[in-house]
Amino acid sequence: MTADQLNAELLKRFSPLDGLKRDNLAALVGKIQIRELSPQQFLFKEGDTEKRTVYILSGTLELVDQGEVTEIIEGGTDGARNPVAAAFPRRVSGRARDRVQYIAIDSDLLDVMLTWDQTGSYEVSELSGGQDQGADDWMTTLLQAKAFHKIPPANIQAIFMRMQQINYKSGDVILKQGTEGDYFYVLTRGKCLVTRETPLNKEGIRLAELEVGDTFGEEALISNAKRNATVTMLQDGSVMRLGKDDFKTLLNEPMLEWVDFKEGEQIINSGGQWLDVRLPSEFENQHLEGAINVPLYFIRLKINTLDKSKKYVLCCDTGRRSSAGAYILSERGYQTSVLRGGISIAEQ
């Protein structure tokens, strides 16, 4: 079996994939690949915690418990219809007896898509309103973001239904540094450049290049501050935008986990890390013991220096900037909490 044979009809052979609506199943096809195991190669081992929902397409997989083969799964049979050893952490090991072909799906993504399908009445194509060919690509990208796993399915429906499409030409400025925040944006077609003007560089420092599925504009909405960067179209394209009030009600609040200082300390003592998002001068003047400093406006640039296996408790003076930072990190799969009330509560 080859990659070009992976299609929605193939996925419908498996449970609970057969419960997904047509267009959402088609969108999922673009997110997975057919993979292979050699004889005696392990697909997973007992105790593994990586959340992958696995299906065997062909070949024979042995499930092994303490050295003993307890079950055999052969591709194409009724026994291969369900996910392999679905419990996490894995209670058994999976070993190929011969050449095995399989697919693996992010379990959280699958759970979100199933829940969304089963609690609502809209498909991706219906939500997109036929606006653009391939509109489901950016929607599926958003659904795949870890942050969306925290949002109630009804909210996800409302987010897509309330978004407005805006078309831009190459060179158009979508939002300007220093202006008030009014919308949250998702890039659905084309590319954008993010720049930040400084006293020493009026042309603007190049911060990032955005592609389809990327989001921007959230910092100003969360922190009630002015825009901290300028976003310009690099080519003709489109965005979907969500108004400030809808953003805060439907998208922002469900994502954030707020903790008091005592709860924050417990996270730190369990291997977590204080992450202070204030300016370096503020940090140098006063900060929590052991904290690291990544200013909010640099978070996108520095994000790859952070450890996804570590939980971060974000802090600032009031909680506004840290909540904006937590949203950005959470959206990209980082574990975050926000210190309620800011670092001033630590002095009380």
C-alpha atoms as a PDB file:
ATOM      1  CA  MET A   1       0.000   0.000   0.000  1.00  0.00           C
ATOM      2  CA  THR A   2       1.340   3.437  -0.928  1.00  0.00           C
ATOM      3  CA  ALA A   3       0.747   6.919   0.427  1.00  0.00           C
ATOM      4  CA  ASP A   4      -1.424   7.874  -2.545  1.00  0.00           C
ATOM      5  CA  GLN A   5      -3.830   5.085  -1.546  1.00  0.00           C
ATOM      6  CA  LEU A   6      -4.561   6.795   1.767  1.00  0.00           C
ATOM      7  CA  ASN A   7      -8.009   8.327   1.416  1.00  0.00           C
ATOM      8  CA  ALA A   8     -11.217   8.932   3.312  1.00  0.00           C
ATOM      9  CA  GLU A   9     -12.683   5.577   2.240  1.00  0.00           C
ATOM     10  CA  LEU A  10      -9.707   3.759   3.742  1.00  0.00           C
ATOM     11  CA  LEU A  11     -10.026   5.652   7.026  1.00  0.00           C
ATOM     12  CA  LYS A  12     -13.733   4.794   7.223  1.00  0.00           C
ATOM     13  CA  ARG A  13     -12.735   1.163   7.747  1.00  0.00           C
ATOM     14  CA  PHE A  14     -11.630   2.051  11.251  1.00  0.00           C
ATOM     15  CA  SER A  15     -13.487   2.911  14.430  1.00  0.00           C
ATOM     16  CA  PRO A  16     -14.221   5.606  15.515  1.00  0.00           C
ATOM     17  CA  LEU A  17     -12.977   7.289  12.312  1.00  0.00           C
ATOM     18  CA  ASP A  18     -16.123   6.067  10.597  1.00  0.00           C
ATOM     19  CA  GLY A  19     -17.999   8.456  12.883  1.00  0.00           C
ATOM     20  CA  LEU A  20     -16.404  11.553  11.360  1.00  0.00           C
ATOM     21  CA  LYS A  21     -18.352  13.588   8.845  1.00  0.00           C
ATOM     22  CA  ARG A  22     -17.234  13.398   5.228  1.00  0.00           C
ATOM     23  CA  ASP A  23     -15.337  16.672   4.863  1.00  0.00           C
ATOM     24  CA  ASN A  24     -13.700  16.433   8.262  1.00  0.00           C
ATOM     25  CA  LEU A  25     -12.511  12.926   7.446  1.00  0.00           C
ATOM     26  CA  ALA A  26     -11.094  14.218   4.161  1.00  0.00           C
ATOM     27  CA  ALA A  27      -9.285  16.989   6.023  1.00  0.00           C
ATOM     28  CA  LEU A  28      -7.788  14.403   8.383  1.00  0.00           C
ATOM     29  CA  VAL A  29      -6.317  12.489   5.425  1.00  0.00           C
ATOM     30  CA  GLY A  30      -3.932  15.385   4.819  1.00  0.00           C
ATOM     31  CA  LYS A  31      -2.609  15.159   8.382  1.00  0.00           C
ATOM     32  CA  ILE A  32      -1.463  11.538   8.433  1.00  0.00           C
ATOM     33  CA  GLN A  33       0.903   9.265   6.503  1.00  0.00           C
ATOM     34  CA  ILE A  34       1.266   5.554   5.944  1.00  0.00           C
ATOM     35  CA  ARG A  35       4.296   4.330   7.898  1.00  0.00           C
ATOM     36  CA  GLU A  36       6.155   1.021   7.968  1.00  0.00           C
ATOM     37  CA  LEU A  37       7.829  -1.258  10.510  1.00  0.00           C
ATOM     38  CA  SER A  38      10.452  -3.891   9.786  1.00  0.00           C
ATOM     39  CA  PRO A  39      10.147  -7.373  11.347  1.00  0.00           C
ATOM     40  CA  GLN A  40      10.861  -7.304  15.117  1.00  0.00           C
ATOM     41  CA  GLN A  41      10.745  -3.487  15.207  1.00  0.00           C
ATOM     42  CA  PHE A  42       8.701  -1.974  18.047  1.00  0.00           C
ATOM     43  CA  LEU A  43       5.824   0.378  17.285  1.00  0.00           C
ATOM     44  CA  PHE A  44       5.598   1.351  20.953  1.00  0.00           C
ATOM     45  CA  LYS A  45       6.736  -0.033  24.284  1.00  0.00           C
ATOM     46  CA  GLU A  46       4.988  -0.633  27.580  1.00  0.00           C
ATOM     47  CA  GLY A  47       4.772   2.611  29.535  1.00  0.00           C
ATOM     48  CA  ASP A  48       4.910   4.893  26.479  1.00  0.00           C
ATOM     49  CA  THR A  49       2.797   8.019  27.011  1.00  0.00           C
ATOM     50  CA  GLU A  50       2.879   9.544  23.513  1.00  0.00           C
ATOM     51  CA  LYS A  51      -0.760  10.089  22.569  1.00  0.00           C
ATOM     52  CA  ARG A  52      -1.025   8.433  19.164  1.00  0.00           C
ATOM     53  CA  THR A  53      -4.088   6.523  17.992  1.00  0.00           C
ATOM     54  CA  VAL A  54      -2.666   3.682  15.896  1.00  0.00           C
ATOM     55  CA  TYR A  55      -4.295   1.455  13.261  1.00  0.00           C
ATOM     56  CA  ILE A  56      -2.692  -1.513  11.462  1.00  0.00           C
ATOM     57  CA  LEU A  57      -3.226  -1.481   7.673  1.00  0.00           C
ATOM     58  CA  SER A  58      -1.272  -4.590   6.701  1.00  0.00           C
ATOM     59  CA  GLY A  59       1.074  -7.118   8.239  1.00  0.00           C
ATOM     60  CA  THR A  60       1.029  -8.645  11.718  1.00  0.00           C
ATOM     61  CA  LEU A  61       1.622  -6.844  15.015  1.00  0.00           C
ATOM     62  CA  GLU A  62       2.237  -8.718  18.249  1.00  0.00           C
ATOM     63  CA  LEU A  63       1.197  -7.242  21.596  1.00  0.00           C
ATOM     64  CA  VAL A  64       3.736  -8.274  24.204  1.00  0.00           C
ATOM     65  CA  ASP A  65       3.328  -8.223  28.001  1.00  0.00           C
ATOM     66  CA  GLN A  66       6.403  -9.053  30.092  1.00  0.00           C
ATOM     67  CA  GLY A  67       7.946 -10.984  27.216  1.00  0.00           C
ATOM     68  CA  GLU A  68       4.831 -13.004  26.392  1.00  0.00           C
ATOM     69  CA  VAL A  69       2.746 -12.465  23.233  1.00  0.00           C
ATOM     70  CA  THR A  70      -0.804 -11.795  24.485  1.00  0.00           C
ATOM     71  CA  GLU A  71      -2.536 -10.748  21.265  1.00  0.00           C
ATOM     72  CA  ILE A  72      -1.942 -10.734  17.514  1.00  0.00           C
ATOM     73  CA  ILE A  73      -3.376  -8.064  15.235  1.00  0.00           C
ATOM     74  CA  GLU A  74      -3.463  -8.682  11.488  1.00  0.00           C
ATOM     75  CA  GLY A  75      -4.092  -5.841   9.060  1.00  0.00           C
ATOM     76  CA  GLY A  76      -7.315  -6.072   7.084  1.00  0.00           C
ATOM     77  CA  THR A  77      -9.159  -8.161   9.687  1.00  0.00           C
ATOM     78  CA  ASP A  78     -11.963  -7.208  12.073  1.00  0.00           C
ATOM     79  CA  GLY A  79      -9.420  -7.234  14.878  1.00  0.00           C
ATOM     80  CA  ALA A  80      -7.574  -4.353  13.223  1.00  0.00           C
ATOM     81  CA  ARG A  81     -10.663  -2.174  13.021  1.00  0.00           C
ATOM     82  CA  ASN A  82     -10.116  -0.629  16.459  1.00  0.00           C
ATOM     83  CA  PRO A  83      -7.131   1.372  17.745  1.00  0.00           C
ATOM     84  CA  VAL A  84      -4.202  -0.713  18.944  1.00  0.00           C
ATOM     85  CA  ALA A  85      -3.637  -0.781  22.727  1.00  0.00           C
ATOM     86  CA  ALA A  86      -5.491   2.478  23.144  1.00  0.00           C
ATOM     87  CA  ALA A  87      -4.830   3.067  26.866  1.00  0.00           C
ATOM     88  CA  PHE A  88      -2.190   5.596  27.957  1.00  0.00           C
ATOM     89  CA  PRO A  89       0.398   4.919  29.207  1.00  0.00           C
ATOM     90  CA  ARG A  90       0.663   1.793  27.049  1.00  0.00           C
ATOM     91  CA  ARG A  91       0.079  -1.359  29.079  1.00  0.00           C
ATOM     92  CA  VAL A  92       1.806  -3.612  26.533  1.00  0.00           C
ATOM     93  CA  SER A  93       4.479  -3.344  23.840  1.00  0.00           C
ATOM     94  CA  GLY A  94       3.703  -3.545  20.115  1.00  0.00           C
ATOM     95  CA  ARG A  95       6.202  -5.477  17.948  1.00  0.00           C
ATOM     96  CA  ALA A  96       6.067  -6.243  14.226  1.00  0.00           C
ATOM     97  CA  ARG A  97       6.115  -9.948  13.362  1.00  0.00           C
ATOM     98  CA  ASP A  98       6.659  -9.160   9.669  1.00  0.00           C
ATOM     99  CA  ARG A  99       6.543  -6.011   7.552  1.00  0.00           C
ATOM    100  CA  VAL A 100       3.769  -3.843   9.010  1.00  0.00           C
ATOM    101  CA  GLN A 101       2.081  -0.777   7.554  1.00  0.00           C
ATOM    102  CA  TYR A 102       0.203   1.488   9.939  1.00  0.00           C
ATOM    103  CA  ILE A 103      -1.158   4.991  10.470  1.00  0.00           C
ATOM    104  CA  ALA A 104      -0.891   7.079  13.630  1.00  0.00           C
ATOM    105  CA  ILE A 105      -3.137  10.037  14.475  1.00  0.00           C
ATOM    106  CA  ASP A 106      -2.680  12.637  17.199  1.00  0.00           C
ATOM    107  CA  SER A 107      -5.148  11.368  19.819  1.00  0.00           C
ATOM    108  CA  ASP A 108      -6.076  14.815  21.107  1.00  0.00           C
ATOM    109  CA  LEU A 109      -6.794  16.065  17.585  1.00  0.00           C
ATOM    110  CA  LEU A 110      -8.979  13.050  16.883  1.00  0.00           C
ATOM    111  CA  ASP A 111     -10.850  13.524  20.147  1.00  0.00           C
ATOM    112  CA  VAL A 112     -11.513  17.197  19.364  1.00  0.00           C
ATOM    113  CA  MET A 113     -12.776  16.405  15.857  1.00  0.00           C
ATOM    114  CA  LEU A 114     -15.027  13.597  17.079  1.00  0.00           C
ATOM    115  CA  THR A 115     -16.427  15.693  19.908  1.00  0.00           C
ATOM    116  CA  TRP A 116     -17.016  18.622  17.593  1.00  0.00           C
ATOM    117  CA  ASP A 117     -18.765  16.420  15.046  1.00  0.00           C
ATOM    118  CA  GLN A 118     -20.932  14.708  17.632  1.00  0.00           C
ATOM    119  CA  THR A 119     -22.057  17.817  19.504  1.00  0.00           C
ATOM    120  CA  GLY A 120     -22.742  20.097  16.544  1.00  0.00           C
ATOM    121  CA  SER A 121     -24.500  20.168  13.234  1.00  0.00           C
ATOM    122  CA  TYR A 122     -21.853  21.766  11.010  1.00  0.00           C
ATOM    123  CA  GLU A 123     -19.121  20.318   8.836  1.00  0.00           C
ATOM    124  CA  VAL A 124     -15.933  22.166   7.989  1.00  0.00           C
ATOM    125  CA  SER A 125     -17.207  22.871   4.475  1.00  0.00           C
ATOM    126  CA  GLU A 126     -20.426  24.338   5.827  1.00  0.00           C
ATOM    127  CA  LEU A 127     -18.617  26.537   8.311  1.00  0.00           C
ATOM    128  CA  SER A 128     -16.324  27.863   5.585  1.00  0.00           C
ATOM    129  CA  GLY A 129     -19.357  28.969   3.632  1.00  0.00           C
ATOM    130  CA  GLY A 130     -17.702  28.025   0.346  1.00  0.00           C
ATOM    131  CA  GLN A 131     -15.408  31.041   0.631  1.00  0.00           C
ATOM    132  CA  ASP A 132     -12.177  29.503  -0.631  1.00  0.00           C
ATOM    133  CA  GLN A 133     -11.129  26.203  -2.068  1.00  0.00           C
ATOM    134  CA  GLY A 134      -9.101  24.483   0.603  1.00  0.00           C
ATOM    135  CA  ALA A 135     -10.712  26.525   3.390  1.00  0.00           C
ATOM    136  CA  ASP A 136     -10.765  23.388   5.528  1.00  0.00           C
ATOM    137  CA  ASP A 137      -6.941  23.451   5.627  1.00  0.00           C
ATOM    138  CA  TRP A 138      -6.714  26.437   7.962  1.00  0.00           C
ATOM    139  CA  MET A 139      -9.644  25.205  10.022  1.00  0.00           C
ATOM    140  CA  THR A 140      -8.048  21.805  10.516  1.00  0.00           C
ATOM    141  CA  THR A 141      -4.749  23.522  11.374  1.00  0.00           C
ATOM    142  CA  LEU A 142      -6.528  25.467  14.104  1.00  0.00           C
ATOM    143  CA  LEU A 143      -8.257  22.356  15.412  1.00  0.00           C
ATOM    144  CA  GLN A 144      -4.895  20.600  15.547  1.00  0.00           C
ATOM    145  CA  ALA A 145      -3.401  23.324  17.740  1.00  0.00           C
ATOM    146  CA  LYS A 146      -3.092  22.063  21.301  1.00  0.00           C
ATOM    147  CA  ALA A 147      -4.857  25.148  22.626  1.00  0.00           C
ATOM    148  CA  PHE A 148      -8.072  24.254  20.801  1.00  0.00           C
ATOM    149  CA  HIS A 149      -8.266  21.013  22.785  1.00  0.00           C
ATOM    150  CA  LYS A 150      -9.242  23.156  25.793  1.00  0.00           C
ATOM    151  CA  ILE A 151     -12.109  24.946  24.058  1.00  0.00           C
ATOM    152  CA  PRO A 152     -15.676  23.599  24.389  1.00  0.00           C
ATOM    153  CA  PRO A 153     -16.968  22.225  21.065  1.00  0.00           C
ATOM    154  CA  ALA A 154     -19.899  24.648  21.048  1.00  0.00           C
ATOM    155  CA  ASN A 155     -17.414  27.521  21.294  1.00  0.00           C
ATOM    156  CA  ILE A 156     -15.441  26.172  18.324  1.00  0.00           C
ATOM    157  CA  GLN A 157     -18.600  26.186  16.233  1.00  0.00           C
ATOM    158  CA  ALA A 158     -19.382  29.745  17.265  1.00  0.00           C
ATOM    159  CA  ILE A 159     -15.818  30.909  16.533  1.00  0.00           C
ATOM    160  CA  PHE A 160     -15.956  29.674  12.943  1.00  0.00           C
ATOM    161  CA  MET A 161     -19.482  30.919  12.395  1.00  0.00           C
ATOM    162  CA  ARG A 162     -18.690  34.452  13.626  1.00  0.00           C
ATOM    163  CA  MET A 163     -15.454  34.901  11.711  1.00  0.00           C
ATOM    164  CA  GLN A 164     -15.411  37.292   8.745  1.00  0.00           C
ATOM    165  CA  GLN A 165     -13.291  36.866   5.619  1.00  0.00           C
ATOM    166  CA  ILE A 166     -11.207  39.857   4.463  1.00  0.00           C
ATOM    167  CA  ASN A 167      -9.129  39.846   1.248  1.00  0.00           C
ATOM    168  CA  TYR A 168      -5.831  41.767   0.941  1.00  0.00           C
ATOM    169  CA  LYS A 169      -3.335  42.630  -1.783  1.00  0.00           C
ATOM    170  CA  SER A 170       0.427  42.213  -1.532  1.00  0.00           C
ATOM    171  CA  GLY A 171       1.845  45.088   0.526  1.00  0.00           C
ATOM    172  CA  ASP A 172      -1.389  45.811   2.408  1.00  0.00           C
ATOM    173  CA  VAL A 173      -0.987  46.413   6.150  1.00  0.00           C
ATOM    174  CA  ILE A 174      -3.414  44.257   8.128  1.00  0.00           C
ATOM    175  CA  LEU A 175      -2.597  45.746  11.499  1.00  0.00           C
ATOM    176  CA  LYS A 176      -0.249  48.549  12.531  1.00  0.00           C
ATOM    177  CA  GLN A 177       2.006  48.763  15.559  1.00  0.00           C
ATOM    178  CA  GLY A 178       0.690  51.244  18.109  1.00  0.00           C
ATOM    179  CA  THR A 179      -2.991  51.011  17.142  1.00  0.00           C
ATOM    180  CA  GLU A 180      -5.800  49.657  19.293  1.00  0.00           C
ATOM    181  CA  GLY A 181      -6.560  45.946  19.123  1.00  0.00           C
ATOM    182  CA  ASP A 182      -9.957  45.107  17.671  1.00  0.00           C
ATOM    183  CA  TYR A 183      -9.687  41.701  15.961  1.00  0.00           C
ATOM    184  CA  PHE A 184      -8.030  38.289  16.212  1.00  0.00           C
ATOM    185  CA  TYR A 185      -6.798  37.010  12.821  1.00  0.00           C
ATOM    186  CA  VAL A 186      -6.177  33.658  11.113  1.00  0.00           C
ATOM    187  CA  LEU A 187      -4.242  33.671   7.845  1.00  0.00           C
ATOM    188  CA  THR A 188      -6.180  31.555   5.348  1.00  0.00           C
ATOM    189  CA  ARG A 189      -4.369  32.342   2.065  1.00  0.00           C
ATOM    190  CA  GLY A 190      -0.966  33.857   1.234  1.00  0.00           C
ATOM    191  CA  LYS A 191       1.902  34.909   3.512  1.00  0.00           C
ATOM    192  CA  CYS A 192       2.458  37.779   5.972  1.00  0.00           C
ATOM    193  CA  LEU A 193       5.485  39.521   7.461  1.00  0.00           C
ATOM    194  CA  VAL A 194       5.553  40.568  11.137  1.00  0.00           C
ATOM    195  CA  THR A 195       7.826  43.510  12.002  1.00  0.00           C
ATOM    196  CA  ARG A 196       8.414  45.608  15.119  1.00  0.00           C
ATOM    197  CA  GLU A 197       9.610  49.217  15.026  1.00  0.00           C
ATOM    198  CA  THR A 198      12.194  50.297  17.614  1.00  0.00           C
ATOM    199  CA  PRO A 199      13.791  53.653  18.382  1.00  0.00           C
ATOM    200  CA  LEU A 200      16.943  52.474  16.595  1.00  0.00           C
ATOM    201  CA  ASN A 201      15.178  50.825  13.673  1.00  0.00           C
ATOM    202  CA  LYS A 202      12.262  52.726  12.174  1.00  0.00           C
ATOM    203  CA  GLU A 203      12.053  50.265   9.266  1.00  0.00           C
ATOM    204  CA  GLY A 204      11.164  47.550  11.752  1.00  0.00           C
ATOM    205  CA  ILE A 205      12.855  44.399  12.988  1.00  0.00           C
ATOM    206  CA  ARG A 206      11.715  41.284  11.111  1.00  0.00           C
ATOM    207  CA  LEU A 207      10.085  39.052  13.749  1.00  0.00           C
ATOM    208  CA  ALA A 208       8.349  36.307  11.794  1.00  0.00           C
ATOM    209  CA  GLU A 209       6.826  35.179   8.524  1.00  0.00           C
ATOM    210  CA  LEU A 210       3.292  33.808   8.812  1.00  0.00           C
ATOM    211  CA  GLU A 211       1.751  31.057   6.678  1.00  0.00           C
ATOM    212  CA  VAL A 212      -1.726  29.601   6.227  1.00  0.00           C
ATOM    213  CA  GLY A 213      -3.171  28.554   9.599  1.00  0.00           C
ATOM    214  CA  ASP A 214      -1.025  30.960  11.619  1.00  0.00           C
ATOM    215  CA  THR A 215      -2.783  33.358  13.974  1.00  0.00           C
ATOM    216  CA  PHE A 216      -1.951  36.895  15.081  1.00  0.00           C
ATOM    217  CA  GLY A 217      -3.374  39.933  16.854  1.00  0.00           C
ATOM    218  CA  GLU A 218      -4.202  38.156  20.092  1.00  0.00           C
ATOM    219  CA  GLU A 219      -1.701  39.901  22.389  1.00  0.00           C
ATOM    220  CA  ALA A 220      -3.399  43.291  22.239  1.00  0.00           C
ATOM    221  CA  LEU A 221      -6.836  41.777  22.789  1.00  0.00           C
ATOM    222  CA  ILE A 222      -5.803  39.808  25.866  1.00  0.00           C
ATOM    223  CA  SER A 223      -3.705  42.499  27.535  1.00  0.00           C
ATOM    224  CA  ASN A 224      -5.890  45.467  26.492  1.00  0.00           C
ATOM    225  CA  ALA A 225      -2.743  47.097  25.136  1.00  0.00           C
ATOM    226  CA  LYS A 226      -1.897  48.618  21.765  1.00  0.00           C
ATOM    227  CA  ARG A 227      -0.604  46.499  18.892  1.00  0.00           C
ATOM    228  CA  ASN A 228       3.057  45.614  19.499  1.00  0.00           C
ATOM    229  CA  ALA A 229       3.917  44.799  15.868  1.00  0.00           C
ATOM    230  CA  THR A 230       2.929  45.470  12.266  1.00  0.00           C
ATOM    231  CA  VAL A 231       1.633  42.695  10.004  1.00  0.00           C
ATOM    232  CA  THR A 232       1.935  43.174   6.230  1.00  0.00           C
ATOM    233  CA  MET A 233       0.854  40.923   3.366  1.00  0.00           C
ATOM    234  CA  LEU A 234       3.795  39.532   1.379  1.00  0.00           C
ATOM    235  CA  GLN A 235       1.463  38.372  -1.402  1.00  0.00           C
ATOM    236  CA  ASP A 236      -2.223  38.516  -2.257  1.00  0.00           C
ATOM    237  CA  GLY A 237      -4.198  36.628   0.333  1.00  0.00           C
ATOM    238  CA  SER A 238      -7.039  36.412   2.833  1.00  0.00           C
ATOM    239  CA  VAL A 239      -7.641  36.344   6.561  1.00  0.00           C
ATOM    240  CA  MET A 240     -10.522  35.358   8.777  1.00  0.00           C
ATOM    241  CA  ARG A 241     -11.036  37.712  11.690  1.00  0.00           C
ATOM    242  CA  LEU A 242     -12.908  37.442  14.997  1.00  0.00           C
ATOM    243  CA  GLY A 243     -14.064  40.509  16.950  1.00  0.00           C
ATOM    244  CA  LYS A 244     -12.513  41.374  20.302  1.00  0.00           C
ATOM    245  CA  ASP A 245     -15.539  40.520  22.457  1.00  0.00           C
ATOM    246  CA  ASP A 246     -16.136  37.195  20.708  1.00  0.00           C
ATOM    247  CA  PHE A 247     -12.432  36.366  20.987  1.00  0.00           C
ATOM    248  CA  LYS A 248     -12.359  36.923  24.741  1.00  0.00           C
ATOM    249  CA  THR A 249     -15.581  35.022  25.391  1.00  0.00           C
ATOM    250  CA  LEU A 250     -15.172  32.089  23.045  1.00  0.00           C
ATOM    251  CA  LEU A 251     -11.452  31.561  22.545  1.00  0.00           C
ATOM    252  CA  ASN A 252      -9.247  33.217  25.138  1.00  0.00           C
ATOM    253  CA  GLU A 253     -10.745  32.377  28.513  1.00  0.00           C
ATOM    254  CA  PRO A 254     -11.218  28.594  28.040  1.00  0.00           C
ATOM    255  CA  MET A 255      -7.526  28.262  27.139  1.00  0.00           C
ATOM    256  CA  LEU A 256      -6.031  29.855  30.222  1.00  0.00           C
ATOM    257  CA  GLU A 257      -5.293  28.066  33.472  1.00  0.00           C
ATOM    258  CA  TRP A 258      -5.007  30.562  36.310  1.00  0.00           C
ATOM    259  CA  VAL A 259      -3.177  29.725  39.555  1.00  0.00           C
ATOM    260  CA  ASP A 260      -2.554  31.571  42.797  1.00  0.00           C
ATOM    261  CA  PHE A 261       0.963  31.957  44.166  1.00  0.00           C
ATOM    262  CA  LYS A 262       0.786  28.842  46.346  1.00  0.00           C
ATOM    263  CA  GLU A 263      -0.393  26.726  43.408  1.00  0.00           C
ATOM    264  CA  GLY A 264       2.334  28.264  41.250  1.00  0.00           C
ATOM    265  CA  GLU A 265       4.986  27.324  43.799  1.00  0.00           C
ATOM    266  CA  GLN A 266       3.720  23.746  43.817  1.00  0.00           C
ATOM    267  CA  ILE A 267       4.142  23.582  40.034  1.00  0.00           C
ATOM    268  CA  ILE A 268       7.688  24.988  40.329  1.00  0.00           C
ATOM    269  CA  ASN A 269       8.579  22.510  43.073  1.00  0.00           C
ATOM    270  CA  SER A 270       7.374  19.712  40.799  1.00  0.00           C
ATOM    271  CA  GLY A 271       9.774  20.687  38.009  1.00  0.00           C
ATOM    272  CA  GLY A 272       8.014  23.707  36.538  1.00  0.00           C
ATOM    273  CA  GLN A 273       9.519  27.079  35.682  1.00  0.00           C
ATOM    274  CA  TRP A 274       8.557  30.690  36.387  1.00  0.00           C
ATOM    275  CA  LEU A 275       8.498  32.611  33.097  1.00  0.00           C
ATOM    276  CA  ASP A 276       8.477  36.393  33.503  1.00  0.00           C
ATOM    277  CA  VAL A 277       7.238  38.212  30.379  1.00  0.00           C
ATOM    278  CA  ARG A 278       7.984  41.772  31.507  1.00  0.00           C
ATOM    279  CA  LEU A 279      10.713  44.011  30.091  1.00  0.00           C
ATOM    280  CA  PRO A 280      14.322  43.201  31.066  1.00  0.00           C
ATOM    281  CA  SER A 281      14.532  46.393  33.140  1.00  0.00           C
ATOM    282  CA  GLU A 282      11.446  45.389  35.126  1.00  0.00           C
ATOM    283  CA  PHE A 283      12.819  41.897  35.582  1.00  0.00           C
ATOM    284  CA  GLU A 284      16.185  43.139  36.811  1.00  0.00           C
ATOM    285  CA  ASN A 285      14.515  45.393  39.331  1.00  0.00           C
ATOM    286  CA  GLN A 286      12.359  42.647  40.816  1.00  0.00           C
ATOM    287  CA  HIS A 287      11.552  39.054  39.965  1.00  0.00           C
ATOM    288  CA  LEU A 288      10.608  35.750  41.520  1.00  0.00           C
ATOM    289  CA  GLU A 289      13.464  33.498  42.585  1.00  0.00           C
ATOM    290  CA  GLY A 290      14.519  31.156  39.791  1.00  0.00           C
ATOM    291  CA  ALA A 291      12.441  32.925  37.120  1.00  0.00           C
ATOM    292  CA  ILE A 292      13.621  33.313  33.534  1.00  0.00           C
ATOM    293  CA  ASN A 293      12.820  36.401  31.465  1.00  0.00           C
ATOM    294  CA  VAL A 294      11.344  36.313  27.962  1.00  0.00           C
ATOM    295  CA  PRO A 295       9.649  39.672  27.218  1.00  0.00           C
ATOM    296  CA  LEU A 296       6.204  39.317  25.688  1.00  0.00           C
ATOM    297  CA  TYR A 297       7.169  40.998  22.430  1.00  0.00           C
ATOM    298  CA  PHE A 298      10.056  38.488  21.999  1.00  0.00           C
ATOM    299  CA  ILE A 299       8.083  35.351  22.825  1.00  0.00           C
ATOM    300  CA  ARG A 300       7.543  34.353  19.189  1.00  0.00           C
ATOM    301  CA  LEU A 301      11.253  34.752  18.467  1.00  0.00           C
ATOM    302  CA  LYS A 302      12.390  32.858  21.578  1.00  0.00           C
ATOM    303  CA  ILE A 303       9.729  30.176  21.613  1.00  0.00           C
ATOM    304  CA  ASN A 304      12.038  27.451  20.310  1.00  0.00           C
ATOM    305  CA  THR A 305      14.372  27.966  23.267  1.00  0.00           C
ATOM    306  CA  LEU A 306      11.651  26.760  25.649  1.00  0.00           C
ATOM    307  CA  ASP A 307      11.120  23.152  26.696  1.00  0.00           C
ATOM    308  CA  LYS A 308       7.779  21.561  25.770  1.00  0.00           C
ATOM    309  CA  SER A 309       8.252  18.901  28.442  1.00  0.00           C
ATOM    310  CA  LYS A 310       8.321  21.564  31.166  1.00  0.00           C
ATOM    311  CA  LYS A 311       5.317  23.425  32.589  1.00  0.00           C
ATOM    312  CA  TYR A 312       5.690  27.207  32.675  1.00  0.00           C
ATOM    313  CA  VAL A 313       3.953  29.536  35.110  1.00  0.00           C
ATOM    314  CA  LEU A 314       3.853  32.903  33.368  1.00  0.00           C
ATOM    315  CA  CYS A 315       3.979  36.039  35.434  1.00  0.00           C
ATOM    316  CA  CYS A 316       4.093  39.825  35.093  1.00  0.00           C
ATOM    317  CA  ASP A 317       3.015  42.682  37.339  1.00  0.00           C
ATOM    318  CA  THR A 318      -0.761  42.292  36.906  1.00  0.00           C
ATOM    319  CA  GLY A 319      -1.448  39.131  34.895  1.00  0.00           C
ATOM    320  CA  ARG A 320      -2.373  40.870  31.639  1.00  0.00           C
ATOM    321  CA  ARG A 321       0.879  40.393  29.756  1.00  0.00           C
ATOM    322  CA  SER A 322       1.428  36.929  31.179  1.00  0.00           C
ATOM    323  CA  SER A 323      -2.040  35.834  30.051  1.00  0.00           C
ATOM    324  CA  ALA A 324      -1.193  37.013  26.527  1.00  0.00           C
ATOM    325  CA  GLY A 325       2.068  35.077  26.643  1.00  0.00           C
ATOM    326  CA  ALA A 326       0.344  31.971  27.981  1.00  0.00           C
ATOM    327  CA  TYR A 327      -2.139  32.080  25.117  1.00  0.00           C
ATOM    328  CA  ILE A 328       0.662  32.207  22.528  1.00  0.00           C
ATOM    329  CA  LEU A 329       2.566  29.331  24.149  1.00  0.00           C
ATOM    330  CA  SER A 330      -0.539  27.223  24.784  1.00  0.00           C
ATOM    331  CA  GLU A 331      -1.578  27.666  21.150  1.00  0.00           C
ATOM    332  CA  ARG A 332       1.741  26.108  20.135  1.00  0.00           C
ATOM    333  CA  GLY A 333       1.557  23.115  22.451  1.00  0.00           C
ATOM    334  CA  TYR A 334       3.379  24.386  25.554  1.00  0.00           C
ATOM    335  CA  GLN A 335       2.103  23.651  29.065  1.00  0.00           C
ATOM    336  CA  THR A 336       1.235  26.926  30.764  1.00  0.00           C
ATOM    337  CA  SER A 337      -0.438  28.489  33.763  1.00  0.00           C
ATOM    338  CA  VAL A 338      -0.895  32.181  34.546  1.00  0.00           C
ATOM    339  CA  LEU A 339      -0.121  33.699  37.955  1.00  0.00           C
ATOM    340  CA  ARG A 340      -3.338  35.422  39.020  1.00  0.00           C
ATOM    341  CA  GLY A 341      -2.822  38.997  40.114  1.00  0.00           C
ATOM    342  CA  GLY A 342       0.858  39.167  39.093  1.00  0.00           C
ATOM    343  CA  ILE A 343       4.053  38.957  41.111  1.00  0.00           C
ATOM    344  CA  SER A 344       2.851  41.562  43.613  1.00  0.00           C
ATOM    345  CA  ILE A 345       0.850  38.851  45.353  1.00  0.00           C
ATOM    346  CA  ALA A 346       4.091  37.046  46.170  1.00  0.00           C
ATOM    347  CA  GLU A 347       5.080  39.959  48.422  1.00  0.00           C
ATOM    348  CA  GLN A 348       1.894  39.885  50.480  1.00  0.00           C
END
